[in-house]
PDB file of N, CA and C in Angstrom:
ATOM      1  N   MET A   1      -9.593  21.373  23.964  1.00  0.00           N
ATOM      2  CA  MET A   1      -8.694  21.435  24.995  1.00  0.00           C
ATOM      3  C   MET A   1      -7.883  22.875  25.064  1.00  0.00           C
ATOM      4  N   SER A   2      -7.607  23.565  26.401  1.00  0.00           N
ATOM      5  CA  SER A   2      -7.034  24.563  26.612  1.00  0.00           C
ATOM      6  C   SER A   2      -5.376  24.544  26.169  1.00  0.00           C
ATOM      7  N   LYS A   3      -4.588  25.700  26.066  1.00  0.00           N
ATOM      8  CA  LYS A   3      -3.205  25.390  25.987  1.00  0.00           C
ATOM      9  C   LYS A   3      -2.726  24.951  27.381  1.00  0.00           C
ATOM     10  N   GLU A   4      -3.418  25.427  28.367  1.00  0.00           N
ATOM     11  CA  GLU A   4      -2.872  25.024  29.451  1.00  0.00           C
ATOM     12  C   GLU A   4      -3.026  23.258  29.659  1.00  0.00           C
ATOM     13  N   ASP A   5      -3.911  22.791  29.501  1.00  0.00           N
ATOM     14  CA  ASP A   5      -4.372  21.366  29.438  1.00  0.00           C
ATOM     15  C   ASP A   5      -3.423  20.826  28.497  1.00  0.00           C
ATOM     16  N   GLN A   6      -3.138  21.473  27.469  1.00  0.00           N
ATOM     17  CA  GLN A   6      -2.046  20.729  26.442  1.00  0.00           C
ATOM     18  C   GLN A   6      -0.739  20.627  26.859  1.00  0.00           C
ATOM     19  N   GLN A   7      -0.458  21.669  27.770  1.00  0.00           N
ATOM     20  CA  GLN A   7       1.000  21.724  28.324  1.00  0.00           C
ATOM     21  C   GLN A   7       1.126  20.815  29.436  1.00  0.00           C
ATOM     22  N   ASN A   8       0.214  20.405  30.168  1.00  0.00           N
ATOM     23  CA  ASN A   8      -0.068  19.454  31.303  1.00  0.00           C
ATOM     24  C   ASN A   8      -0.047  17.864  30.672  1.00  0.00           C
ATOM     25  N   LYS A   9      -0.328  17.449  29.472  1.00  0.00           N
ATOM     26  CA  LYS A   9      -0.285  16.280  28.989  1.00  0.00           C
ATOM     27  C   LYS A   9       0.810  15.757  28.760  1.00  0.00           C
ATOM     28  N   PRO A  10       1.296  14.511  28.803  1.00  0.00           N
ATOM     29  CA  PRO A  10       2.482  14.131  28.238  1.00  0.00           C
ATOM     30  C   PRO A  10       2.653  14.335  27.082  1.00  0.00           C
ATOM     31  N   ALA A  11       3.928  14.524  26.160  1.00  0.00           N
ATOM     32  CA  ALA A  11       4.034  14.908  24.891  1.00  0.00           C
ATOM     33  C   ALA A  11       3.649  13.707  23.951  1.00  0.00           C
ATOM     34  N   ALA A  12       3.791  12.621  24.193  1.00  0.00           N
ATOM     35  CA  ALA A  12       3.420  11.356  23.646  1.00  0.00           C
ATOM     36  C   ALA A  12       1.988  11.386  23.286  1.00  0.00           C
ATOM     37  N   LEU A  13       1.126  11.721  24.328  1.00  0.00           N
ATOM     38  CA  LEU A  13      -0.164  11.667  24.142  1.00  0.00           C
ATOM     39  C   LEU A  13      -0.833  12.829  23.210  1.00  0.00           C
ATOM     40  N   GLN A  14      -0.212  14.173  23.437  1.00  0.00           N
ATOM     41  CA  GLN A  14      -0.492  15.439  22.694  1.00  0.00           C
ATOM     42  C   GLN A  14      -0.343  14.913  21.258  1.00  0.00           C
ATOM     43  N   GLY A  15       0.945  14.363  20.969  1.00  0.00           N
ATOM     44  CA  GLY A  15       1.350  13.901  19.455  1.00  0.00           C
ATOM     45  C   GLY A  15       0.345  13.120  18.908  1.00  0.00           C
ATOM     46  N   SER A  16      -0.288  12.175  19.741  1.00  0.00           N
ATOM     47  CA  SER A  16      -0.819  10.881  19.048  1.00  0.00           C
ATOM     48  C   SER A  16      -2.512  11.466  18.773  1.00  0.00           C
ATOM     49  N   LEU A  17      -2.948  12.376  19.754  1.00  0.00           N
ATOM     50  CA  LEU A  17      -4.283  12.863  19.718  1.00  0.00           C
ATOM     51  C   LEU A  17      -4.326  13.840  18.873  1.00  0.00           C
ATOM     52  N   SER A  18      -3.290  14.731  18.420  1.00  0.00           N
ATOM     53  CA  SER A  18      -3.307  15.564  17.525  1.00  0.00           C
ATOM     54  C   SER A  18      -3.477  15.125  16.107  1.00  0.00           C
ATOM     55  N   ARG A  19      -3.390  13.936  15.760  1.00  0.00           N
ATOM     56  CA  ARG A  19      -3.506  13.347  14.400  1.00  0.00           C
ATOM     57  C   ARG A  19      -4.988  13.364  14.282  1.00  0.00           C
ATOM     58  N   PHE A  20      -5.832  13.344  15.494  1.00  0.00           N
ATOM     59  CA  PHE A  20      -7.331  13.215  15.036  1.00  0.00           C
ATOM     60  C   PHE A  20      -7.945  14.757  15.082  1.00  0.00           C
ATOM     61  N   LEU A  21      -7.202  15.678  15.117  1.00  0.00           N
ATOM     62  CA  LEU A  21      -7.638  17.116  15.237  1.00  0.00           C
ATOM     63  C   LEU A  21      -7.690  17.527  13.718  1.00  0.00           C
ATOM     64  N   ARG A  22      -8.670  18.661  13.544  1.00  0.00           N
ATOM     65  CA  ARG A  22      -8.679  19.346  12.048  1.00  0.00           C
ATOM     66  C   ARG A  22      -7.232  19.377  11.707  1.00  0.00           C
ATOM     67  N   GLY A  23      -7.085  19.054  10.525  1.00  0.00           N
ATOM     68  CA  GLY A  23      -5.617  19.075   9.541  1.00  0.00           C
ATOM     69  C   GLY A  23      -4.685  17.919   9.920  1.00  0.00           C
ATOM     70  N   GLY A  24      -4.968  17.173  10.910  1.00  0.00           N
ATOM     71  CA  GLY A  24      -4.245  15.975  11.445  1.00  0.00           C
ATOM     72  C   GLY A  24      -4.579  14.891  10.248  1.00  0.00           C
ATOM     73  N   GLU A  25      -3.464  14.073  10.154  1.00  0.00           N
ATOM     74  CA  GLU A  25      -3.792  12.947   9.144  1.00  0.00           C
ATOM     75  C   GLU A  25      -4.764  12.063   9.128  1.00  0.00           C
ATOM     76  N   LEU A  26      -5.513  11.934  10.670  1.00  0.00           N
ATOM     77  CA  LEU A  26      -6.502  11.162  10.849  1.00  0.00           C
ATOM     78  C   LEU A  26      -7.826  11.932  11.114  1.00  0.00           C
ATOM     79  N   SER A  27      -7.749  13.120  10.737  1.00  0.00           N
ATOM     80  CA  SER A  27      -8.986  14.017  10.995  1.00  0.00           C
ATOM     81  C   SER A  27     -10.160  13.734  10.174  1.00  0.00           C
ATOM     82  N   ALA A  28     -11.455  14.285  10.473  1.00  0.00           N
ATOM     83  CA  ALA A  28     -12.572  14.095   9.599  1.00  0.00           C
ATOM     84  C   ALA A  28     -12.313  14.526   8.092  1.00  0.00           C
ATOM     85  N   ILE A  29     -12.500  13.643   7.292  1.00  0.00           N
ATOM     86  CA  ILE A  29     -12.425  14.335   5.815  1.00  0.00           C
ATOM     87  C   ILE A  29     -13.905  14.941   5.232  1.00  0.00           C
ATOM     88  N   GLU A  30     -13.830  16.233   5.171  1.00  0.00           N
ATOM     89  CA  GLU A  30     -14.856  16.816   4.708  1.00  0.00           C
ATOM     90  C   GLU A  30     -15.066  17.037   3.350  1.00  0.00           C
ATOM     91  N   ASP A  31     -14.239  16.875   2.375  1.00  0.00           N
ATOM     92  CA  ASP A  31     -14.481  16.516   0.752  1.00  0.00           C
ATOM     93  C   ASP A  31     -14.934  15.199   0.500  1.00  0.00           C
ATOM     94  N   PRO A  32     -16.154  15.170   0.032  1.00  0.00           N
ATOM     95  CA  PRO A  32     -16.659  13.994  -0.159  1.00  0.00           C
ATOM     96  C   PRO A  32     -16.046  13.063  -1.302  1.00  0.00           C
ATOM     97  N   GLN A  33     -15.304  13.937  -2.122  1.00  0.00           N
ATOM     98  CA  GLN A  33     -14.473  13.089  -3.527  1.00  0.00           C
ATOM     99  C   GLN A  33     -13.290  12.597  -2.507  1.00  0.00           C
ATOM    100  N   GLU A  34     -12.457  13.359  -1.643  1.00  0.00           N
ATOM    101  CA  GLU A  34     -11.473  12.910  -0.951  1.00  0.00           C
ATOM    102  C   GLU A  34     -11.680  11.667  -0.259  1.00  0.00           C
ATOM    103  N   TYR A  35     -12.987  11.558   0.542  1.00  0.00           N
ATOM    104  CA  TYR A  35     -13.281  10.337   1.376  1.00  0.00           C
ATOM    105  C   TYR A  35     -13.314   9.111   0.335  1.00  0.00           C
ATOM    106  N   GLU A  36     -14.171   9.395  -0.882  1.00  0.00           N
ATOM    107  CA  GLU A  36     -14.625   8.183  -1.367  1.00  0.00           C
ATOM    108  C   GLU A  36     -13.304   7.851  -2.173  1.00  0.00           C
ATOM    109  N   ARG A  37     -12.141   8.455  -2.427  1.00  0.00           N
ATOM    110  CA  ARG A  37     -10.785   8.123  -3.029  1.00  0.00           C
ATOM    111  C   ARG A  37     -10.082   7.248  -1.842  1.00  0.00           C
ATOM    112  N   ARG A  38     -10.193   7.953  -0.434  1.00  0.00           N
ATOM    113  CA  ARG A  38      -9.583   7.230   0.543  1.00  0.00           C
ATOM    114  C   ARG A  38     -10.122   5.870   0.869  1.00  0.00           C
ATOM    115  N   MET A  39     -11.730   5.904   0.811  1.00  0.00           N
ATOM    116  CA  MET A  39     -12.088   4.547   1.209  1.00  0.00           C
ATOM    117  C   MET A  39     -11.870   3.656  -0.143  1.00  0.00           C
ATOM    118  N   SER A  40     -11.697   3.898  -1.256  1.00  0.00           N
ATOM    119  CA  SER A  40     -11.463   3.191  -2.290  1.00  0.00           C
ATOM    120  C   SER A  40     -10.001   2.332  -2.378  1.00  0.00           C
ATOM    121  N   ALA A  41      -9.242   3.272  -1.902  1.00  0.00           N
ATOM    122  CA  ALA A  41      -7.777   2.612  -1.888  1.00  0.00           C
ATOM    123  C   ALA A  41      -7.738   1.700  -0.494  1.00  0.00           C
ATOM    124  N   LEU A  42      -8.368   1.704   0.124  1.00  0.00           N
ATOM    125  CA  LEU A  42      -8.498   0.604   1.215  1.00  0.00           C
ATOM    126  C   LEU A  42      -8.586  -0.753   0.800  1.00  0.00           C
ATOM    127  N   PRO A  43      -8.179  -1.881   1.531  1.00  0.00           N
ATOM    128  CA  PRO A  43      -8.365  -3.401   1.504  1.00  0.00           C
ATOM    129  C   PRO A  43      -9.808  -3.507   1.833  1.00  0.00           C
ATOM    130  N   PRO A  44     -10.533  -4.201   1.223  1.00  0.00           N
ATOM    131  CA  PRO A  44     -12.210  -4.575   1.391  1.00  0.00           C
ATOM    132  C   PRO A  44     -12.535  -4.668   3.046  1.00  0.00           C
ATOM    133  N   ALA A  45     -11.495  -5.714   3.543  1.00  0.00           N
ATOM    134  CA  ALA A  45     -12.193  -5.601   5.155  1.00  0.00           C
ATOM    135  C   ALA A  45     -12.102  -4.291   5.694  1.00  0.00           C
ATOM    136  N   GLN A  46     -10.854  -3.520   5.535  1.00  0.00           N
ATOM    137  CA  GLN A  46     -10.747  -2.209   6.045  1.00  0.00           C
ATOM    138  C   GLN A  46     -11.710  -1.464   5.655  1.00  0.00           C
ATOM    139  N   ARG A  47     -12.312  -1.491   4.205  1.00  0.00           N
ATOM    140  CA  ARG A  47     -13.244  -0.578   3.708  1.00  0.00           C
ATOM    141  C   ARG A  47     -14.446  -0.764   4.358  1.00  0.00           C
ATOM    142  N   GLU A  48     -14.691  -1.813   4.877  1.00  0.00           N
ATOM    143  CA  GLU A  48     -16.163  -2.424   5.305  1.00  0.00           C
ATOM    144  C   GLU A  48     -16.050  -1.776   6.789  1.00  0.00           C
ATOM    145  N   PHE A  49     -14.852  -1.955   7.399  1.00  0.00           N
ATOM    146  CA  PHE A  49     -14.766  -1.396   9.028  1.00  0.00           C
ATOM    147  C   PHE A  49     -14.967   0.170   8.954  1.00  0.00           C
ATOM    148  N   ALA A  50     -14.445   0.911   7.923  1.00  0.00           N
ATOM    149  CA  ALA A  50     -14.149   2.260   7.804  1.00  0.00           C
ATOM    150  C   ALA A  50     -15.708   2.734   7.565  1.00  0.00           C
ATOM    151  N   GLU A  51     -16.370   2.215   6.855  1.00  0.00           N
ATOM    152  CA  GLU A  51     -17.581   2.625   6.471  1.00  0.00           C
ATOM    153  C   GLU A  51     -18.747   2.441   7.722  1.00  0.00           C
ATOM    154  N   GLU A  52     -18.581   1.337   8.303  1.00  0.00           N
ATOM    155  CA  GLU A  52     -19.309   1.045   9.353  1.00  0.00           C
ATOM    156  C   GLU A  52     -18.929   2.120  10.577  1.00  0.00           C
ATOM    157  N   GLY A  53     -17.849   2.386  10.675  1.00  0.00           N
ATOM    158  CA  GLY A  53     -17.253   3.364  11.444  1.00  0.00           C
ATOM    159  C   GLY A  53     -17.501   4.756  11.213  1.00  0.00           C
ATOM    160  N   THR A  54     -17.771   5.114  10.114  1.00  0.00           N
ATOM    161  CA  THR A  54     -18.449   6.383   9.496  1.00  0.00           C
ATOM    162  C   THR A  54     -19.852   6.676   9.785  1.00  0.00           C
ATOM    163  N   ARG A  55     -20.504   5.309   9.518  1.00  0.00           N
ATOM    164  CA  ARG A  55     -21.924   5.466  10.209  1.00  0.00           C
ATOM    165  C   ARG A  55     -22.147   5.536  11.465  1.00  0.00           C
ATOM    166  N   PHE A  56     -21.359   4.848  12.304  1.00  0.00           N
ATOM    167  CA  PHE A  56     -21.285   5.027  13.680  1.00  0.00           C
ATOM    168  C   PHE A  56     -21.023   6.498  14.388  1.00  0.00           C
ATOM    169  N   ALA A  57     -19.790   7.181  13.750  1.00  0.00           N
ATOM    170  CA  ALA A  57     -19.553   8.318  13.983  1.00  0.00           C
ATOM    171  C   ALA A  57     -20.680   9.605  13.380  1.00  0.00           C
ATOM    172  N   ASN A  58     -21.420   9.363  12.426  1.00  0.00           N
ATOM    173  CA  ASN A  58     -22.777  10.284  12.131  1.00  0.00           C
ATOM    174  C   ASN A  58     -23.599   9.965  12.713  1.00  0.00           C
ATOM    175  N   LEU A  59     -23.925   8.667  13.501  1.00  0.00           N
ATOM    176  CA  LEU A  59     -24.866   8.332  14.553  1.00  0.00           C
ATOM    177  C   LEU A  59     -24.607   9.005  15.907  1.00  0.00           C
ATOM    178  N   TRP A  60     -23.452   8.747  16.086  1.00  0.00           N
ATOM    179  CA  TRP A  60     -23.124   9.419  17.397  1.00  0.00           C
ATOM    180  C   TRP A  60     -22.918  11.105  17.595  1.00  0.00           C
ATOM    181  N   GLN A  61     -22.755  11.622  16.315  1.00  0.00           N
ATOM    182  CA  GLN A  61     -22.659  13.181  15.900  1.00  0.00           C
ATOM    183  C   GLN A  61     -24.255  13.667  16.187  1.00  0.00           C
ATOM    184  N   TYR A  62     -25.155  12.885  15.591  1.00  0.00           N
ATOM    185  CA  TYR A  62     -26.661  13.065  15.924  1.00  0.00           C
ATOM    186  C   TYR A  62     -26.862  13.025  17.265  1.00  0.00           C
ATOM    187  N   PHE A  63     -26.494  12.065  17.927  1.00  0.00           N
ATOM    188  CA  PHE A  63     -26.728  12.013  19.312  1.00  0.00           C
ATOM    189  C   PHE A  63     -26.341  13.215  20.086  1.00  0.00           C
ATOM    190  N   SER A  64     -24.964  13.586  19.685  1.00  0.00           N
ATOM    191  CA  SER A  64     -24.456  14.659  20.478  1.00  0.00           C
ATOM    192  C   SER A  64     -25.194  15.964  20.154  1.00  0.00           C
ATOM    193  N   GLU A  65     -25.404  16.260  18.872  1.00  0.00           N
ATOM    194  CA  GLU A  65     -25.957  17.447  18.275  1.00  0.00           C
ATOM    195  C   GLU A  65     -27.605  17.587  19.198  1.00  0.00           C
ATOM    196  N   HIS A  66     -28.188  16.308  19.746  1.00  0.00           N
ATOM    197  CA  HIS A  66     -29.657  16.466  20.119  1.00  0.00           C
ATOM    198  C   HIS A  66     -29.597  16.075  21.770  1.00  0.00           C
ATOM    199  N   ARG A  67     -28.100  16.525  22.234  1.00  0.00           N
ATOM    200  CA  ARG A  67     -28.067  16.179  23.723  1.00  0.00           C
ATOM    201  C   ARG A  67     -28.813  14.839  24.112  1.00  0.00           C
ATOM    202  N   MET A  68     -28.343  13.822  23.426  1.00  0.00           N
ATOM    203  CA  MET A  68     -29.070  12.416  23.787  1.00  0.00           C
ATOM    204  C   MET A  68     -27.772  11.614  24.226  1.00  0.00           C
ATOM    205  N   GLN A  69     -27.608  10.614  25.335  1.00  0.00           N
ATOM    206  CA  GLN A  69     -26.563  10.018  25.475  1.00  0.00           C
ATOM    207  C   GLN A  69     -26.821   8.548  24.813  1.00  0.00           C
ATOM    208  N   LEU A  70     -25.572   8.079  24.546  1.00  0.00           N
ATOM    209  CA  LEU A  70     -25.728   6.656  23.761  1.00  0.00           C
ATOM    210  C   LEU A  70     -26.262   5.391  24.816  1.00  0.00           C
ATOM    211  N   PRO A  71     -26.893   4.616  24.416  1.00  0.00           N
ATOM    212  CA  PRO A  71     -27.459   3.643  25.373  1.00  0.00           C
ATOM    213  C   PRO A  71     -26.127   2.938  26.108  1.00  0.00           C
ATOM    214  N   ARG A  72     -26.242   2.654  27.357  1.00  0.00           N
ATOM    215  CA  ARG A  72     -25.114   2.074  28.097  1.00  0.00           C
ATOM    216  C   ARG A  72     -24.534   0.868  27.303  1.00  0.00           C
ATOM    217  N   HIS A  73     -25.646   0.036  26.797  1.00  0.00           N
ATOM    218  CA  HIS A  73     -25.198  -1.407  26.258  1.00  0.00           C
ATOM    219  C   HIS A  73     -24.433  -0.996  24.936  1.00  0.00           C
ATOM    220  N   ILE A  74     -24.597   0.092  24.212  1.00  0.00           N
ATOM    221  CA  ILE A  74     -23.900   0.384  23.028  1.00  0.00           C
ATOM    222  C   ILE A  74     -22.394   0.815  23.259  1.00  0.00           C
ATOM    223  N   VAL A  75     -22.325   1.612  24.540  1.00  0.00           N
ATOM    224  CA  VAL A  75     -21.158   2.151  25.022  1.00  0.00           C
ATOM    225  C   VAL A  75     -20.155   0.771  25.354  1.00  0.00           C
ATOM    226  N   GLU A  76     -20.792  -0.114  26.084  1.00  0.00           N
ATOM    227  CA  GLU A  76     -20.042  -1.240  26.554  1.00  0.00           C
ATOM    228  C   GLU A  76     -19.593  -2.086  25.182  1.00  0.00           C
ATOM    229  N   GLN A  77     -20.429  -2.060  24.398  1.00  0.00           N
ATOM    230  CA  GLN A  77     -20.019  -3.121  22.983  1.00  0.00           C
ATOM    231  C   GLN A  77     -18.704  -2.333  22.316  1.00  0.00           C
ATOM    232  N   ILE A  78     -18.627  -0.914  22.169  1.00  0.00           N
ATOM    233  CA  ILE A  78     -17.908  -0.145  21.675  1.00  0.00           C
ATOM    234  C   ILE A  78     -16.381  -0.497  22.400  1.00  0.00           C
ATOM    235  N   SER A  79     -16.631  -0.346  23.709  1.00  0.00           N
ATOM    236  CA  SER A  79     -15.653  -0.327  24.415  1.00  0.00           C
ATOM    237  C   SER A  79     -14.811  -1.563  24.451  1.00  0.00           C
ATOM    238  N   GLU A  80     -15.401  -2.646  24.327  1.00  0.00           N
ATOM    239  CA  GLU A  80     -14.964  -4.049  24.090  1.00  0.00           C
ATOM    240  C   GLU A  80     -14.382  -4.430  22.692  1.00  0.00           C
ATOM    241  N   LEU A  81     -14.788  -3.502  21.667  1.00  0.00           N
ATOM    242  CA  LEU A  81     -14.345  -3.932  20.439  1.00  0.00           C
ATOM    243  C   LEU A  81     -12.996  -4.166  20.160  1.00  0.00           C
ATOM    244  N   SER A  82     -12.192  -3.542  20.895  1.00  0.00           N
ATOM    245  CA  SER A  82     -10.723  -3.574  20.628  1.00  0.00           C
ATOM    246  C   SER A  82     -10.101  -4.906  20.884  1.00  0.00           C
ATOM    247  N   LYS A  83     -10.963  -5.684  21.901  1.00  0.00           N
ATOM    248  CA  LYS A  83     -10.460  -6.810  22.588  1.00  0.00           C
ATOM    249  C   LYS A  83     -11.217  -7.870  21.833  1.00  0.00           C
ATOM    250  N   LEU A  84     -11.939  -7.603  20.953  1.00  0.00           N
ATOM    251  CA  LEU A  84     -12.692  -8.864  19.937  1.00  0.00           C
ATOM    252  C   LEU A  84     -11.520  -8.931  18.766  1.00  0.00           C
ATOM    253  N   PRO A  85     -11.682 -10.295  18.219  1.00  0.00           N
ATOM    254  CA  PRO A  85     -10.771 -10.523  17.078  1.00  0.00           C
ATOM    255  C   PRO A  85     -11.298  -9.696  16.014  1.00  0.00           C
ATOM    256  N   ALA A  86     -10.333  -9.199  15.301  1.00  0.00           N
ATOM    257  CA  ALA A  86     -10.379  -8.344  14.000  1.00  0.00           C
ATOM    258  C   ALA A  86     -11.756  -8.873  12.968  1.00  0.00           C
ATOM    259  N   ALA A  87     -11.611  -9.972  13.026  1.00  0.00           N
ATOM    260  CA  ALA A  87     -12.650 -10.690  12.017  1.00  0.00           C
ATOM    261  C   ALA A  87     -14.092 -10.304  12.466  1.00  0.00           C
ATOM    262  N   GLU A  88     -14.288 -10.294  13.772  1.00  0.00           N
ATOM    263  CA  GLU A  88     -15.628  -9.948  14.372  1.00  0.00           C
ATOM    264  C   GLU A  88     -15.880  -8.250  14.611  1.00  0.00           C
ATOM    265  N   HIS A  89     -14.891  -7.338  13.953  1.00  0.00           N
ATOM    266  CA  HIS A  89     -15.193  -6.035  14.305  1.00  0.00           C
ATOM    267  C   HIS A  89     -16.357  -5.230  13.267  1.00  0.00           C
ATOM    268  N   VAL A  90     -16.273  -5.815  12.149  1.00  0.00           N
ATOM    269  CA  VAL A  90     -17.182  -5.263  11.182  1.00  0.00           C
ATOM    270  C   VAL A  90     -18.774  -5.747  11.449  1.00  0.00           C
ATOM    271  N   ALA A  91     -18.915  -6.811  12.082  1.00  0.00           N
ATOM    272  CA  ALA A  91     -19.990  -7.416  12.348  1.00  0.00           C
ATOM    273  C   ALA A  91     -20.653  -6.849  13.615  1.00  0.00           C
ATOM    274  N   THR A  92     -19.645  -6.701  14.676  1.00  0.00           N
ATOM    275  CA  THR A  92     -20.166  -5.800  15.718  1.00  0.00           C
ATOM    276  C   THR A  92     -20.435  -4.581  15.622  1.00  0.00           C
ATOM    277  N   MET A  93     -19.931  -3.662  14.700  1.00  0.00           N
ATOM    278  CA  MET A  93     -20.005  -2.422  14.318  1.00  0.00           C
ATOM    279  C   MET A  93     -21.515  -2.425  13.455  1.00  0.00           C
ATOM    280  N   ARG A  94     -21.967  -3.545  12.762  1.00  0.00           N
ATOM    281  CA  ARG A  94     -23.021  -3.363  11.997  1.00  0.00           C
ATOM    282  C   ARG A  94     -24.407  -3.618  13.064  1.00  0.00           C
ATOM    283  N   ARG A  95     -23.834  -4.347  14.167  1.00  0.00           N
ATOM    284  CA  ARG A  95     -25.066  -4.789  14.766  1.00  0.00           C
ATOM    285  C   ARG A  95     -25.307  -3.124  15.905  1.00  0.00           C
ATOM    286  N   VAL A  96     -24.072  -2.794  16.266  1.00  0.00           N
ATOM    287  CA  VAL A  96     -24.399  -1.398  17.053  1.00  0.00           C
ATOM    288  C   VAL A  96     -25.030  -0.346  16.388  1.00  0.00           C
ATOM    289  N   ASN A  97     -24.520  -0.127  15.211  1.00  0.00           N
ATOM    290  CA  ASN A  97     -25.150   1.091  14.287  1.00  0.00           C
ATOM    291  C   ASN A  97     -26.610   0.556  14.101  1.00  0.00           C
ATOM    292  N   GLN A  98     -27.200  -0.831  13.691  1.00  0.00           N
ATOM    293  CA  GLN A  98     -28.423  -1.053  13.726  1.00  0.00           C
ATOM    294  C   GLN A  98     -29.241  -0.801  14.942  1.00  0.00           C
ATOM    295  N   ALA A  99     -28.781  -1.199  16.089  1.00  0.00           N
ATOM    296  CA  ALA A  99     -29.309  -0.985  17.662  1.00  0.00           C
ATOM    297  C   ALA A  99     -29.367   0.720  17.676  1.00  0.00           C
ATOM    298  N   LEU A 100     -28.484   1.418  17.343  1.00  0.00           N
ATOM    299  CA  LEU A 100     -28.674   2.791  17.426  1.00  0.00           C
ATOM    300  C   LEU A 100     -29.928   3.465  16.538  1.00  0.00           C
ATOM    301  N   VAL A 101     -30.176   2.751  15.206  1.00  0.00           N
ATOM    302  CA  VAL A 101     -31.258   3.423  14.512  1.00  0.00           C
ATOM    303  C   VAL A 101     -32.218   2.772  14.932  1.00  0.00           C
ATOM    304  N   GLU A 102     -32.614   1.495  15.736  1.00  0.00           N
ATOM    305  CA  GLU A 102     -33.508   1.131  16.136  1.00  0.00           C
ATOM    306  C   GLU A 102     -33.878   2.007  17.427  1.00  0.00           C
ATOM    307  N   TYR A 103     -33.220   2.167  18.210  1.00  0.00           N
ATOM    308  CA  TYR A 103     -33.058   3.086  19.549  1.00  0.00           C
ATOM    309  C   TYR A 103     -33.829   4.304  19.021  1.00  0.00           C
ATOM    310  N   LEU A 104     -33.406   4.933  18.133  1.00  0.00           N
ATOM    311  CA  LEU A 104     -33.825   6.271  17.310  1.00  0.00           C
ATOM    312  C   LEU A 104     -35.225   6.167  17.248  1.00  0.00           C
ATOM    313  N   ASN A 105     -35.528   5.361  16.160  1.00  0.00           N
ATOM    314  CA  ASN A 105     -36.651   5.072  15.778  1.00  0.00           C
ATOM    315  C   ASN A 105     -37.888   4.892  17.266  1.00  0.00           C
ATOM    316  N   ASP A 106     -37.402   4.144  18.023  1.00  0.00           N
ATOM    317  CA  ASP A 106     -38.108   3.824  19.350  1.00  0.00           C
ATOM    318  C   ASP A 106     -38.386   5.122  20.064  1.00  0.00           C
ATOM    319  N   VAL A 107     -37.336   5.978  20.061  1.00  0.00           N
ATOM    320  CA  VAL A 107     -37.618   7.422  20.734  1.00  0.00           C
ATOM    321  C   VAL A 107     -38.765   8.122  20.241  1.00  0.00           C
ATOM    322  N   GLY A 108     -38.645   7.896  18.615  1.00  0.00           N
ATOM    323  CA  GLY A 108     -39.789   9.098  18.185  1.00  0.00           C
ATOM    324  C   GLY A 108     -39.712   8.983  16.730  1.00  0.00           C
ATOM    325  N   GLU A 109     -41.061   9.174  16.243  1.00  0.00           N
ATOM    326  CA  GLU A 109     -41.327   9.172  14.973  1.00  0.00           C
ATOM    327  C   GLU A 109     -40.316   9.992  14.022  1.00  0.00           C
ATOM    328  N   ASP A 110     -39.978  11.070  14.462  1.00  0.00           N
ATOM    329  CA  ASP A 110     -39.293  12.018  13.660  1.00  0.00           C
ATOM    330  C   ASP A 110     -37.758  12.303  14.435  1.00  0.00           C
ATOM    331  N   SER A 111     -37.082  11.193  14.319  1.00  0.00           N
ATOM    332  CA  SER A 111     -35.855  11.441  14.751  1.00  0.00           C
ATOM    333  C   SER A 111     -34.899  12.293  13.661  1.00  0.00           C
ATOM    334  N   GLY A 112     -35.074  12.085  12.606  1.00  0.00           N
ATOM    335  CA  GLY A 112     -34.188  13.076  11.615  1.00  0.00           C
ATOM    336  C   GLY A 112     -33.039  12.209  11.116  1.00  0.00           C
ATOM    337  N   VAL A 113     -33.218  10.631  11.550  1.00  0.00           N
ATOM    338  CA  VAL A 113     -32.006  10.090  10.950  1.00  0.00           C
ATOM    339  C   VAL A 113     -32.625   8.981   9.875  1.00  0.00           C
ATOM    340  N   ARG A 114     -32.009   8.918   8.659  1.00  0.00           N
ATOM    341  CA  ARG A 114     -32.340   7.872   7.815  1.00  0.00           C
ATOM    342  C   ARG A 114     -31.918   6.674   7.763  1.00  0.00           C
ATOM    343  N   GLN A 115     -32.371   5.629   7.561  1.00  0.00           N
ATOM    344  CA  GLN A 115     -31.607   4.332   7.217  1.00  0.00           C
ATOM    345  C   GLN A 115     -31.192   3.778   6.109  1.00  0.00           C
TER     346      GLN A 115
END
């Protein structure tokens, strides 16, 4: 996002989104040891969701790098995730991740993603 775009955004939005940028408290964790430390500190239910979320992020990154669009039904499932009861989040993310891997297997033999 350019500086001009950032200046035109409401301050609250800038502040909340900046948490996800490099160096922010919710940015990607590059160090594998730090990632494992943080994952181990989570309660089991949150850890499961974080692991599935990480798998989804890795798959999404693969799709992006190969200029592939996520299938529409996957986008719809992800967009509905916040409306589901918390107890269904992990199972939904597992189904989404499995569907993405199957989609990649159907697209080509050499998709480059390991299961």
